[in-house]
Amino acid sequence: MPRLLAWAAGALVVLSSAWSAAKNHAVASPRGKRIYEADERFGTVLDQDQRDFVMEAAVGLGPEGNLGLLLGWLNKPIRGLEYYAGIGFESNPARHYTGAVRYMFNIEGYRPYIGVGYLFKDLYVLQTYSHNAFAEIGYSFKLHQTHRLTVGAGVRYVAHVGIRDSSPLRDDDVDPVLLAEQDDDLVRFIPTIALRFSRAF
């Protein structure tokens, strides 16, 4: 019987701890001041802004390609500064590897941002690659406490295009003079636009 009573008391304490009214069971500040209201749940008063990382899915014609996944780190000492590393795919087909820095403003609740970054684009079928720099501006819409929808638009600069030795463009039947001319005529500035859905954790 005593063991049954102990189990029942333990279950009652666990169940009641979900409500902030559990503070009445000797959980309070040292001077006895109530920390929570009687009708508040712990989840509603927990500091939801203590997030360090962001997972982000990107779609569109952005630096991450047509479909990308990014991991971001929120710089706490400089609020609003965020670092991202990502991988994505383009229908060329190509793989995109990105690194970016964004600064998110908070102007009376409005959240525009600016960002710059680097993109390594690997056209693995053609066995070519390129080094790119990009810049963008955008806006972040708050969907939930930890969920955001970001719209970004900008420009990407193709700084260098390389051809691997295994590329079919290195075959003997390819005119190297014509290839060089095509490289010179390459469009260097490419517009970008992307939608990104993110969750902080």
N, C-alpha and C. Protein backbone atom coordinates (compact mmCIF):
# COMPACT_ATOMS: atom_id res chain seq x y z
N MET A 1 0.82 -1.21 0.00
CA MET A 1 0.00 0.00 0.00
C MET A 1 0.86 1.28 0.00
N PRO A 2 1.90 1.37 0.86
CA PRO A 2 2.74 2.58 0.84
C PRO A 2 3.39 2.80 -0.52
N ARG A 3 3.80 1.69 -1.18
CA ARG A 3 4.43 1.82 -2.49
C ARG A 3 3.43 2.37 -3.51
N LEU A 4 2.18 1.90 -3.45
CA LEU A 4 1.14 2.38 -4.36
C LEU A 4 0.88 3.87 -4.14
N LEU A 5 0.84 4.31 -2.88
CA LEU A 5 0.65 5.72 -2.59
C LEU A 5 1.81 6.56 -3.10
N ALA A 6 3.04 6.04 -3.00
CA ALA A 6 4.22 6.77 -3.50
C ALA A 6 4.16 6.93 -5.01
N TRP A 7 3.76 5.85 -5.71
CA TRP A 7 3.62 5.93 -7.18
C TRP A 7 2.55 6.94 -7.58
N ALA A 8 1.44 6.93 -6.88
CA ALA A 8 0.35 7.85 -7.18
C ALA A 8 0.78 9.30 -6.95
N ALA A 9 1.49 9.54 -5.85
CA ALA A 9 1.97 10.90 -5.57
C ALA A 9 2.96 11.36 -6.63
N GLY A 10 3.83 10.45 -7.05
CA GLY A 10 4.80 10.80 -8.10
C GLY A 10 4.13 11.13 -9.41
N ALA A 11 3.13 10.34 -9.80
CA ALA A 11 2.39 10.60 -11.05
C ALA A 11 1.67 11.93 -10.98
N LEU A 12 1.11 12.25 -9.82
CA LEU A 12 0.40 13.53 -9.65
C LEU A 12 1.36 14.71 -9.83
N VAL A 13 2.55 14.60 -9.27
CA VAL A 13 3.54 15.68 -9.40
C VAL A 13 3.97 15.84 -10.85
N VAL A 14 4.20 14.72 -11.56
CA VAL A 14 4.62 14.79 -12.97
C VAL A 14 3.54 15.42 -13.83
N LEU A 15 2.29 15.00 -13.62
CA LEU A 15 1.19 15.55 -14.42
C LEU A 15 0.98 17.02 -14.13
N SER A 16 1.08 17.41 -12.90
CA SER A 16 0.84 18.81 -12.55
C SER A 16 1.98 19.71 -13.00
N SER A 17 3.18 19.13 -13.24
CA SER A 17 4.33 19.95 -13.63
C SER A 17 4.17 20.53 -15.03
N ALA A 18 3.24 19.99 -15.84
CA ALA A 18 3.02 20.55 -17.17
C ALA A 18 2.42 21.94 -17.09
N TRP A 19 1.76 22.24 -15.98
CA TRP A 19 1.15 23.56 -15.80
C TRP A 19 2.07 24.41 -14.94
N SER A 20 2.07 25.70 -15.18
CA SER A 20 2.92 26.57 -14.38
C SER A 20 2.44 26.67 -12.94
N ALA A 21 1.23 26.16 -12.68
CA ALA A 21 0.75 26.12 -11.31
C ALA A 21 1.65 25.26 -10.44
N ALA A 22 2.51 24.45 -11.06
CA ALA A 22 3.48 23.65 -10.30
C ALA A 22 4.42 24.53 -9.51
N LYS A 23 4.49 25.83 -9.87
CA LYS A 23 5.34 26.74 -9.10
C LYS A 23 4.85 26.84 -7.67
N ASN A 24 3.56 26.53 -7.45
CA ASN A 24 3.02 26.58 -6.10
C ASN A 24 3.56 25.45 -5.24
N HIS A 25 4.14 24.44 -5.87
CA HIS A 25 4.69 23.31 -5.12
C HIS A 25 6.16 23.57 -4.84
N ALA A 26 6.46 24.70 -4.20
CA ALA A 26 7.80 25.08 -3.73
C ALA A 26 8.75 25.44 -4.84
N VAL A 27 8.28 25.69 -6.07
CA VAL A 27 9.15 26.13 -7.14
C VAL A 27 8.89 27.63 -7.35
N ALA A 28 9.76 28.46 -6.84
CA ALA A 28 9.57 29.90 -6.91
C ALA A 28 10.91 30.58 -6.76
N SER A 29 10.91 31.89 -6.85
CA SER A 29 12.16 32.63 -6.67
C SER A 29 12.54 32.59 -5.20
N PRO A 30 13.79 32.91 -4.86
CA PRO A 30 14.24 32.80 -3.46
C PRO A 30 13.38 33.60 -2.48
N ARG A 31 12.84 34.73 -2.90
CA ARG A 31 12.03 35.55 -2.00
C ARG A 31 10.54 35.18 -2.04
N GLY A 32 10.22 34.15 -2.79
CA GLY A 32 8.84 33.70 -2.82
C GLY A 32 7.99 34.38 -3.87
N LYS A 33 8.58 35.19 -4.74
CA LYS A 33 7.80 35.88 -5.78
C LYS A 33 7.36 34.88 -6.84
N ARG A 34 6.10 34.98 -7.25
CA ARG A 34 5.60 34.09 -8.30
C ARG A 34 6.24 34.44 -9.64
N ILE A 35 6.70 33.43 -10.35
CA ILE A 35 7.35 33.65 -11.64
C ILE A 35 6.33 33.59 -12.76
N TYR A 36 5.37 32.68 -12.67
CA TYR A 36 4.36 32.51 -13.71
C TYR A 36 2.98 32.80 -13.14
N GLU A 37 2.08 33.15 -14.02
CA GLU A 37 0.68 33.24 -13.63
C GLU A 37 0.10 31.84 -13.52
N ALA A 38 -1.00 31.73 -12.82
CA ALA A 38 -1.56 30.41 -12.55
C ALA A 38 -2.05 29.71 -13.81
N ASP A 39 -2.46 30.47 -14.83
CA ASP A 39 -3.01 29.84 -16.03
C ASP A 39 -2.01 29.72 -17.17
N GLU A 40 -0.73 29.98 -16.92
CA GLU A 40 0.29 29.91 -17.96
C GLU A 40 0.93 28.53 -18.00
N ARG A 41 1.18 28.07 -19.24
CA ARG A 41 1.97 26.85 -19.43
C ARG A 41 3.44 27.23 -19.53
N PHE A 42 4.29 26.27 -19.21
CA PHE A 42 5.73 26.53 -19.27
C PHE A 42 6.17 26.91 -20.68
N GLY A 43 5.60 26.24 -21.71
CA GLY A 43 5.99 26.50 -23.09
C GLY A 43 5.72 27.92 -23.55
N THR A 44 4.69 28.57 -22.96
CA THR A 44 4.35 29.92 -23.40
C THR A 44 5.26 30.97 -22.81
N VAL A 45 5.90 30.68 -21.69
CA VAL A 45 6.77 31.66 -21.07
C VAL A 45 8.25 31.35 -21.28
N LEU A 46 8.53 30.20 -21.88
CA LEU A 46 9.92 29.86 -22.20
C LEU A 46 10.48 30.85 -23.20
N ASP A 47 11.72 31.26 -23.02
CA ASP A 47 12.34 32.21 -23.94
C ASP A 47 12.55 31.53 -25.28
N GLN A 48 11.71 31.87 -26.24
CA GLN A 48 11.74 31.22 -27.54
C GLN A 48 12.83 31.79 -28.45
N ASP A 49 13.50 32.85 -28.02
CA ASP A 49 14.50 33.48 -28.88
C ASP A 49 15.89 32.90 -28.69
N GLN A 50 16.05 31.98 -27.77
CA GLN A 50 17.36 31.39 -27.54
C GLN A 50 17.62 30.27 -28.54
N ARG A 51 17.74 30.64 -29.78
CA ARG A 51 18.01 29.69 -30.86
C ARG A 51 19.40 29.97 -31.40
N ASP A 52 20.10 28.92 -31.78
CA ASP A 52 21.47 29.08 -32.28
C ASP A 52 21.61 28.72 -33.76
N PHE A 53 20.75 27.86 -34.27
CA PHE A 53 20.90 27.36 -35.64
C PHE A 53 19.59 27.47 -36.42
N VAL A 54 19.73 27.43 -37.73
CA VAL A 54 18.58 27.51 -38.63
C VAL A 54 18.74 26.45 -39.71
N MET A 55 17.68 25.70 -39.98
CA MET A 55 17.64 24.82 -41.14
C MET A 55 16.75 25.49 -42.18
N GLU A 56 17.21 25.50 -43.42
CA GLU A 56 16.52 26.26 -44.44
C GLU A 56 16.41 25.44 -45.72
N ALA A 57 15.23 25.42 -46.31
CA ALA A 57 15.01 24.80 -47.62
C ALA A 57 14.76 25.91 -48.63
N ALA A 58 15.47 25.85 -49.76
CA ALA A 58 15.39 26.92 -50.76
C ALA A 58 14.91 26.37 -52.10
N VAL A 59 14.06 27.13 -52.77
CA VAL A 59 13.61 26.78 -54.12
C VAL A 59 13.65 28.04 -54.97
N GLY A 60 13.80 27.84 -56.29
CA GLY A 60 13.78 28.98 -57.19
C GLY A 60 14.99 29.01 -58.11
N LEU A 61 15.46 30.21 -58.37
CA LEU A 61 16.64 30.42 -59.21
C LEU A 61 17.71 31.14 -58.41
N GLY A 62 17.91 30.71 -57.20
CA GLY A 62 18.85 31.35 -56.30
C GLY A 62 20.23 30.76 -56.38
N PRO A 63 21.15 31.27 -55.56
CA PRO A 63 22.52 30.73 -55.52
C PRO A 63 22.56 29.25 -55.17
N GLU A 64 21.55 28.77 -54.43
CA GLU A 64 21.52 27.36 -54.03
C GLU A 64 21.03 26.45 -55.14
N GLY A 65 20.65 27.01 -56.29
CA GLY A 65 20.12 26.21 -57.38
C GLY A 65 18.61 26.19 -57.35
N ASN A 66 18.03 25.20 -58.04
CA ASN A 66 16.57 25.08 -58.07
C ASN A 66 16.00 24.49 -56.78
N LEU A 67 16.81 23.72 -56.08
CA LEU A 67 16.41 23.12 -54.81
C LEU A 67 17.64 22.99 -53.93
N GLY A 68 17.57 23.57 -52.74
CA GLY A 68 18.74 23.56 -51.87
C GLY A 68 18.39 23.38 -50.41
N LEU A 69 19.39 23.03 -49.63
CA LEU A 69 19.26 22.87 -48.19
C LEU A 69 20.42 23.59 -47.53
N LEU A 70 20.12 24.41 -46.52
CA LEU A 70 21.15 25.21 -45.87
C LEU A 70 21.10 25.02 -44.36
N LEU A 71 22.25 25.18 -43.72
CA LEU A 71 22.36 25.22 -42.27
C LEU A 71 22.93 26.57 -41.90
N GLY A 72 22.24 27.26 -41.01
CA GLY A 72 22.68 28.59 -40.62
C GLY A 72 23.03 28.66 -39.15
N TRP A 73 23.93 29.58 -38.81
CA TRP A 73 24.31 29.83 -37.42
C TRP A 73 24.00 31.28 -37.11
N LEU A 74 23.28 31.52 -36.02
CA LEU A 74 22.89 32.86 -35.60
C LEU A 74 23.96 33.41 -34.67
N ASN A 75 24.54 34.52 -35.07
CA ASN A 75 25.61 35.15 -34.29
C ASN A 75 24.99 35.96 -33.16
N LYS A 76 25.04 35.44 -31.93
CA LYS A 76 24.39 36.10 -30.81
C LYS A 76 25.05 37.43 -30.41
N PRO A 77 26.39 37.52 -30.41
CA PRO A 77 26.97 38.82 -30.02
C PRO A 77 26.55 39.97 -30.93
N ILE A 78 26.38 39.71 -32.23
CA ILE A 78 25.92 40.73 -33.17
C ILE A 78 24.55 40.30 -33.65
N ARG A 79 23.54 40.78 -32.98
CA ARG A 79 22.18 40.32 -33.28
C ARG A 79 21.79 40.71 -34.70
N GLY A 80 21.28 39.74 -35.46
CA GLY A 80 20.89 39.98 -36.84
C GLY A 80 21.88 39.42 -37.84
N LEU A 81 23.11 39.13 -37.41
CA LEU A 81 24.13 38.59 -38.29
C LEU A 81 24.01 37.06 -38.34
N GLU A 82 23.92 36.51 -39.55
CA GLU A 82 23.70 35.08 -39.72
C GLU A 82 24.66 34.52 -40.77
N TYR A 83 25.16 33.31 -40.52
CA TYR A 83 26.07 32.62 -41.43
C TYR A 83 25.40 31.36 -41.95
N TYR A 84 25.56 31.09 -43.26
CA TYR A 84 24.90 29.94 -43.87
C TYR A 84 25.88 29.14 -44.74
N ALA A 85 25.73 27.84 -44.70
CA ALA A 85 26.43 26.94 -45.62
C ALA A 85 25.37 26.04 -46.24
N GLY A 86 25.45 25.83 -47.55
CA GLY A 86 24.39 25.07 -48.19
C GLY A 86 24.86 24.23 -49.35
N ILE A 87 24.01 23.31 -49.74
CA ILE A 87 24.22 22.49 -50.92
C ILE A 87 22.90 22.45 -51.68
N GLY A 88 23.00 22.50 -53.01
CA GLY A 88 21.78 22.50 -53.80
C GLY A 88 21.99 21.87 -55.16
N PHE A 89 20.91 21.77 -55.91
CA PHE A 89 20.95 21.11 -57.22
C PHE A 89 20.24 21.98 -58.25
N GLU A 90 20.76 21.96 -59.44
CA GLU A 90 20.19 22.69 -60.56
C GLU A 90 19.87 21.70 -61.66
N SER A 91 18.87 22.00 -62.46
CA SER A 91 18.39 21.05 -63.46
C SER A 91 19.33 20.91 -64.66
N ASN A 92 20.47 21.58 -64.67
CA ASN A 92 21.42 21.53 -65.81
C ASN A 92 21.84 20.13 -66.26
N PRO A 93 22.32 19.22 -65.48
CA PRO A 93 22.33 19.23 -64.01
C PRO A 93 23.64 19.80 -63.45
N ALA A 94 23.54 20.31 -62.23
CA ALA A 94 24.72 20.85 -61.55
C ALA A 94 24.51 20.80 -60.05
N ARG A 95 25.60 20.76 -59.33
CA ARG A 95 25.57 20.86 -57.87
C ARG A 95 26.05 22.26 -57.48
N HIS A 96 25.43 22.80 -56.45
CA HIS A 96 25.81 24.12 -55.94
C HIS A 96 26.26 23.99 -54.49
N TYR A 97 27.39 24.59 -54.17
CA TYR A 97 27.89 24.64 -52.80
C TYR A 97 28.05 26.12 -52.44
N THR A 98 27.38 26.55 -51.38
CA THR A 98 27.36 27.97 -51.06
C THR A 98 27.79 28.25 -49.63
N GLY A 99 28.32 29.44 -49.45
CA GLY A 99 28.57 30.01 -48.14
C GLY A 99 28.12 31.46 -48.19
N ALA A 100 27.38 31.89 -47.18
CA ALA A 100 26.80 33.23 -47.24
C ALA A 100 26.76 33.87 -45.86
N VAL A 101 26.73 35.18 -45.87
CA VAL A 101 26.54 35.99 -44.67
C VAL A 101 25.35 36.90 -44.92
N ARG A 102 24.43 36.92 -43.97
CA ARG A 102 23.27 37.82 -44.07
C ARG A 102 23.18 38.68 -42.83
N TYR A 103 22.69 39.88 -43.05
CA TYR A 103 22.38 40.74 -41.90
C TYR A 103 20.89 41.05 -41.95
N MET A 104 20.19 40.62 -40.90
CA MET A 104 18.75 40.78 -40.81
C MET A 104 18.43 42.00 -39.95
N PHE A 105 17.79 42.99 -40.55
CA PHE A 105 17.37 44.17 -39.81
C PHE A 105 16.06 43.88 -39.08
N ASN A 106 15.81 44.65 -38.04
CA ASN A 106 14.51 44.61 -37.35
C ASN A 106 14.08 46.05 -37.12
N ILE A 107 13.32 46.58 -38.08
CA ILE A 107 12.91 47.98 -38.05
C ILE A 107 11.44 48.04 -37.66
N GLU A 108 11.20 48.19 -36.36
CA GLU A 108 9.84 48.25 -35.82
C GLU A 108 9.01 47.04 -36.26
N GLY A 109 9.62 45.89 -36.21
CA GLY A 109 8.94 44.66 -36.56
C GLY A 109 9.09 44.22 -38.01
N TYR A 110 9.58 45.10 -38.87
CA TYR A 110 9.84 44.74 -40.27
C TYR A 110 11.24 44.15 -40.37
N ARG A 111 11.39 43.12 -41.22
CA ARG A 111 12.64 42.35 -41.24
C ARG A 111 13.23 42.22 -42.65
N PRO A 112 13.71 43.32 -43.21
CA PRO A 112 14.47 43.20 -44.47
C PRO A 112 15.88 42.70 -44.17
N TYR A 113 16.57 42.22 -45.18
CA TYR A 113 17.94 41.77 -44.98
C TYR A 113 18.77 42.02 -46.23
N ILE A 114 20.08 42.01 -46.03
CA ILE A 114 21.04 42.05 -47.13
C ILE A 114 21.98 40.86 -46.94
N GLY A 115 22.52 40.36 -48.05
CA GLY A 115 23.40 39.21 -47.95
C GLY A 115 24.42 39.16 -49.07
N VAL A 116 25.55 38.56 -48.78
CA VAL A 116 26.60 38.33 -49.77
C VAL A 116 27.11 36.91 -49.57
N GLY A 117 27.70 36.34 -50.64
CA GLY A 117 28.19 34.99 -50.49
C GLY A 117 29.02 34.50 -51.65
N TYR A 118 29.42 33.25 -51.53
CA TYR A 118 30.26 32.57 -52.53
C TYR A 118 29.55 31.30 -52.98
N LEU A 119 29.65 31.01 -54.27
CA LEU A 119 29.05 29.81 -54.84
C LEU A 119 30.08 29.07 -55.68
N PHE A 120 30.21 27.77 -55.41
CA PHE A 120 30.98 26.88 -56.27
C PHE A 120 29.97 26.03 -57.02
N LYS A 121 29.94 26.18 -58.35
CA LYS A 121 28.98 25.46 -59.18
C LYS A 121 29.70 24.36 -59.94
N ASP A 122 29.25 23.13 -59.77
CA ASP A 122 29.87 21.96 -60.37
C ASP A 122 28.92 21.36 -61.41
N LEU A 123 29.21 21.59 -62.69
CA LEU A 123 28.45 20.94 -63.77
C LEU A 123 29.12 19.59 -64.05
N TYR A 124 28.74 18.60 -63.27
CA TYR A 124 29.48 17.34 -63.22
C TYR A 124 29.34 16.50 -64.49
N VAL A 125 28.27 16.68 -65.26
CA VAL A 125 28.14 15.93 -66.51
C VAL A 125 29.10 16.47 -67.56
N LEU A 126 29.16 17.78 -67.65
CA LEU A 126 30.06 18.41 -68.62
C LEU A 126 31.49 18.49 -68.09
N GLN A 127 31.66 18.21 -66.79
CA GLN A 127 32.98 18.26 -66.15
C GLN A 127 33.58 19.67 -66.21
N THR A 128 32.73 20.65 -65.93
CA THR A 128 33.20 22.03 -65.79
C THR A 128 32.74 22.55 -64.43
N TYR A 129 33.30 23.66 -64.01
CA TYR A 129 32.95 24.25 -62.72
C TYR A 129 33.12 25.76 -62.82
N SER A 130 32.58 26.46 -61.85
CA SER A 130 32.73 27.92 -61.84
C SER A 130 32.77 28.44 -60.41
N HIS A 131 33.50 29.54 -60.25
CA HIS A 131 33.54 30.28 -58.98
C HIS A 131 32.68 31.53 -59.15
N ASN A 132 31.79 31.75 -58.19
CA ASN A 132 30.84 32.84 -58.29
C ASN A 132 30.76 33.62 -56.98
N ALA A 133 30.45 34.89 -57.11
CA ALA A 133 30.11 35.73 -55.95
C ALA A 133 28.67 36.21 -56.15
N PHE A 134 27.94 36.37 -55.06
CA PHE A 134 26.57 36.84 -55.20
C PHE A 134 26.20 37.81 -54.07
N ALA A 135 25.22 38.63 -54.37
CA ALA A 135 24.67 39.57 -53.40
C ALA A 135 23.17 39.60 -53.58
N GLU A 136 22.45 39.81 -52.49
CA GLU A 136 21.00 39.84 -52.58
C GLU A 136 20.41 40.69 -51.48
N ILE A 137 19.18 41.12 -51.72
CA ILE A 137 18.38 41.78 -50.70
C ILE A 137 17.08 41.00 -50.61
N GLY A 138 16.42 41.09 -49.47
CA GLY A 138 15.19 40.33 -49.33
C GLY A 138 14.42 40.73 -48.10
N TYR A 139 13.42 39.91 -47.83
CA TYR A 139 12.55 40.16 -46.68
C TYR A 139 12.17 38.83 -46.04
N SER A 140 12.09 38.83 -44.73
CA SER A 140 11.76 37.63 -43.98
C SER A 140 10.39 37.79 -43.32
N PHE A 141 9.47 36.90 -43.66
CA PHE A 141 8.12 36.90 -43.10
C PHE A 141 8.06 35.91 -41.95
N LYS A 142 7.53 36.35 -40.82
CA LYS A 142 7.39 35.47 -39.66
C LYS A 142 6.10 34.66 -39.79
N LEU A 143 6.23 33.34 -39.89
CA LEU A 143 5.08 32.46 -39.97
C LEU A 143 4.69 31.92 -38.60
N HIS A 144 5.69 31.73 -37.76
CA HIS A 144 5.50 31.18 -36.42
C HIS A 144 6.69 31.64 -35.60
N GLN A 145 6.70 31.29 -34.31
CA GLN A 145 7.79 31.74 -33.45
C GLN A 145 9.16 31.33 -33.99
N THR A 146 9.24 30.15 -34.59
CA THR A 146 10.54 29.66 -35.08
C THR A 146 10.54 29.39 -36.58
N HIS A 147 9.49 29.76 -37.29
CA HIS A 147 9.40 29.50 -38.73
C HIS A 147 9.37 30.81 -39.51
N ARG A 148 10.13 30.86 -40.59
CA ARG A 148 10.18 32.05 -41.43
C ARG A 148 10.06 31.66 -42.91
N LEU A 149 9.52 32.57 -43.69
CA LEU A 149 9.53 32.47 -45.14
C LEU A 149 10.28 33.68 -45.65
N THR A 150 11.38 33.43 -46.37
CA THR A 150 12.25 34.50 -46.84
C THR A 150 12.19 34.57 -48.36
N VAL A 151 12.06 35.79 -48.86
CA VAL A 151 12.09 36.05 -50.30
C VAL A 151 13.33 36.89 -50.58
N GLY A 152 14.19 36.40 -51.45
CA GLY A 152 15.43 37.11 -51.76
C GLY A 152 15.66 37.25 -53.25
N ALA A 153 16.16 38.40 -53.67
CA ALA A 153 16.48 38.64 -55.07
C ALA A 153 17.82 39.36 -55.14
N GLY A 154 18.59 39.05 -56.19
CA GLY A 154 19.90 39.68 -56.29
C GLY A 154 20.57 39.36 -57.61
N VAL A 155 21.88 39.30 -57.56
CA VAL A 155 22.67 39.05 -58.76
C VAL A 155 23.86 38.17 -58.41
N ARG A 156 24.21 37.31 -59.36
CA ARG A 156 25.38 36.43 -59.20
C ARG A 156 26.40 36.78 -60.27
N TYR A 157 27.66 36.88 -59.86
CA TYR A 157 28.75 37.19 -60.79
C TYR A 157 29.61 35.96 -61.01
N VAL A 158 29.73 35.54 -62.26
CA VAL A 158 30.56 34.38 -62.61
C VAL A 158 32.00 34.87 -62.75
N ALA A 159 32.82 34.59 -61.76
CA ALA A 159 34.19 35.10 -61.75
C ALA A 159 35.13 34.26 -62.60
N HIS A 160 34.93 32.95 -62.59
CA HIS A 160 35.86 32.07 -63.32
C HIS A 160 35.15 30.77 -63.69
N VAL A 161 35.42 30.30 -64.90
CA VAL A 161 34.90 29.01 -65.36
C VAL A 161 36.10 28.11 -65.66
N GLY A 162 36.09 26.92 -65.06
CA GLY A 162 37.18 25.97 -65.26
C GLY A 162 36.70 24.71 -65.95
N ILE A 163 37.61 24.08 -66.68
CA ILE A 163 37.31 22.84 -67.40
C ILE A 163 38.25 21.75 -66.90
N ARG A 164 37.69 20.67 -66.42
CA ARG A 164 38.52 19.58 -65.92
C ARG A 164 39.12 18.81 -67.10
N ASP A 165 40.22 18.10 -66.82
CA ASP A 165 40.90 17.33 -67.86
C ASP A 165 40.01 16.22 -68.43
N SER A 166 39.09 15.73 -67.62
CA SER A 166 38.20 14.65 -68.06
C SER A 166 36.98 15.15 -68.84
N SER A 167 36.87 16.46 -69.02
CA SER A 167 35.71 17.03 -69.69
C SER A 167 35.72 16.70 -71.18
N PRO A 168 34.54 16.46 -71.78
CA PRO A 168 34.47 16.27 -73.23
C PRO A 168 34.90 17.53 -74.00
N LEU A 169 34.93 18.66 -73.32
CA LEU A 169 35.40 19.89 -73.97
C LEU A 169 36.91 19.88 -74.18
N ARG A 170 37.59 18.89 -73.60
CA ARG A 170 39.03 18.73 -73.80
C ARG A 170 39.35 17.76 -74.93
N ASP A 171 38.33 17.23 -75.58
CA ASP A 171 38.56 16.28 -76.68
C ASP A 171 39.25 16.97 -77.85
N ASP A 172 39.89 16.17 -78.67
CA ASP A 172 40.66 16.71 -79.79
C ASP A 172 39.80 17.38 -80.85
N ASP A 173 38.54 16.97 -80.93
CA ASP A 173 37.68 17.55 -81.97
C ASP A 173 37.03 18.87 -81.56
N VAL A 174 37.38 19.39 -80.38
CA VAL A 174 36.85 20.67 -79.92
C VAL A 174 37.86 21.77 -80.26
N ASP A 175 37.38 22.80 -80.92
CA ASP A 175 38.23 23.92 -81.32
C ASP A 175 38.55 24.78 -80.10
N PRO A 176 39.81 24.83 -79.68
CA PRO A 176 40.15 25.61 -78.48
C PRO A 176 39.96 27.11 -78.66
N VAL A 177 40.13 27.61 -79.88
CA VAL A 177 39.93 29.04 -80.13
C VAL A 177 38.45 29.39 -79.97
N LEU A 178 37.57 28.57 -80.52
CA LEU A 178 36.13 28.80 -80.38
C LEU A 178 35.70 28.68 -78.92
N LEU A 179 36.28 27.74 -78.21
CA LEU A 179 35.97 27.55 -76.80
C LEU A 179 36.36 28.78 -75.99
N ALA A 180 37.53 29.35 -76.30
CA ALA A 180 37.98 30.56 -75.62
C ALA A 180 37.06 31.74 -75.93
N GLU A 181 36.59 31.82 -77.16
CA GLU A 181 35.67 32.90 -77.53
C GLU A 181 34.35 32.78 -76.78
N GLN A 182 33.88 31.56 -76.64
CA GLN A 182 32.64 31.36 -75.90
C GLN A 182 32.79 31.73 -74.43
N ASP A 183 33.96 31.45 -73.89
CA ASP A 183 34.23 31.83 -72.50
C ASP A 183 34.25 33.35 -72.36
N ASP A 184 34.81 34.04 -73.34
CA ASP A 184 34.85 35.51 -73.30
C ASP A 184 33.46 36.10 -73.43
N ASP A 185 32.58 35.45 -74.19
CA ASP A 185 31.23 35.96 -74.42
C ASP A 185 30.23 35.52 -73.35
N LEU A 186 30.72 34.80 -72.35
CA LEU A 186 29.84 34.29 -71.30
C LEU A 186 29.18 35.44 -70.54
N VAL A 187 27.90 35.29 -70.27
CA VAL A 187 27.17 36.27 -69.45
C VAL A 187 27.69 36.17 -68.02
N ARG A 188 28.26 37.25 -67.53
CA ARG A 188 28.90 37.21 -66.21
C ARG A 188 27.95 37.55 -65.06
N PHE A 189 26.94 38.38 -65.32
CA PHE A 189 26.01 38.77 -64.27
C PHE A 189 24.66 38.09 -64.51
N ILE A 190 24.22 37.31 -63.53
CA ILE A 190 23.00 36.51 -63.66
C ILE A 190 22.06 36.87 -62.51
N PRO A 191 20.82 37.26 -62.81
CA PRO A 191 19.87 37.57 -61.73
C PRO A 191 19.48 36.32 -60.95
N THR A 192 19.19 36.50 -59.69
CA THR A 192 18.78 35.39 -58.82
C THR A 192 17.51 35.76 -58.07
N ILE A 193 16.72 34.76 -57.78
CA ILE A 193 15.53 34.93 -56.93
C ILE A 193 15.25 33.59 -56.26
N ALA A 194 14.94 33.64 -54.98
CA ALA A 194 14.75 32.40 -54.24
C ALA A 194 13.73 32.59 -53.13
N LEU A 195 12.99 31.51 -52.87
CA LEU A 195 12.13 31.40 -51.70
C LEU A 195 12.79 30.43 -50.74
N ARG A 196 12.86 30.83 -49.48
CA ARG A 196 13.49 29.96 -48.47
C ARG A 196 12.57 29.82 -47.26
N PHE A 197 12.33 28.58 -46.90
CA PHE A 197 11.53 28.28 -45.71
C PHE A 197 12.49 27.80 -44.63
N SER A 198 12.44 28.42 -43.46
CA SER A 198 13.42 28.09 -42.43
C SER A 198 12.76 27.81 -41.08
N ARG A 199 13.48 27.06 -40.28
CA ARG A 199 13.08 26.80 -38.90
C ARG A 199 14.31 26.92 -38.00
N ALA A 200 14.19 27.74 -36.97
CA ALA A 200 15.28 27.91 -36.00
C ALA A 200 15.18 26.87 -34.91
N PHE A 201 16.32 26.45 -34.40
CA PHE A 201 16.33 25.49 -33.29
C PHE A 201 17.55 25.72 -32.40
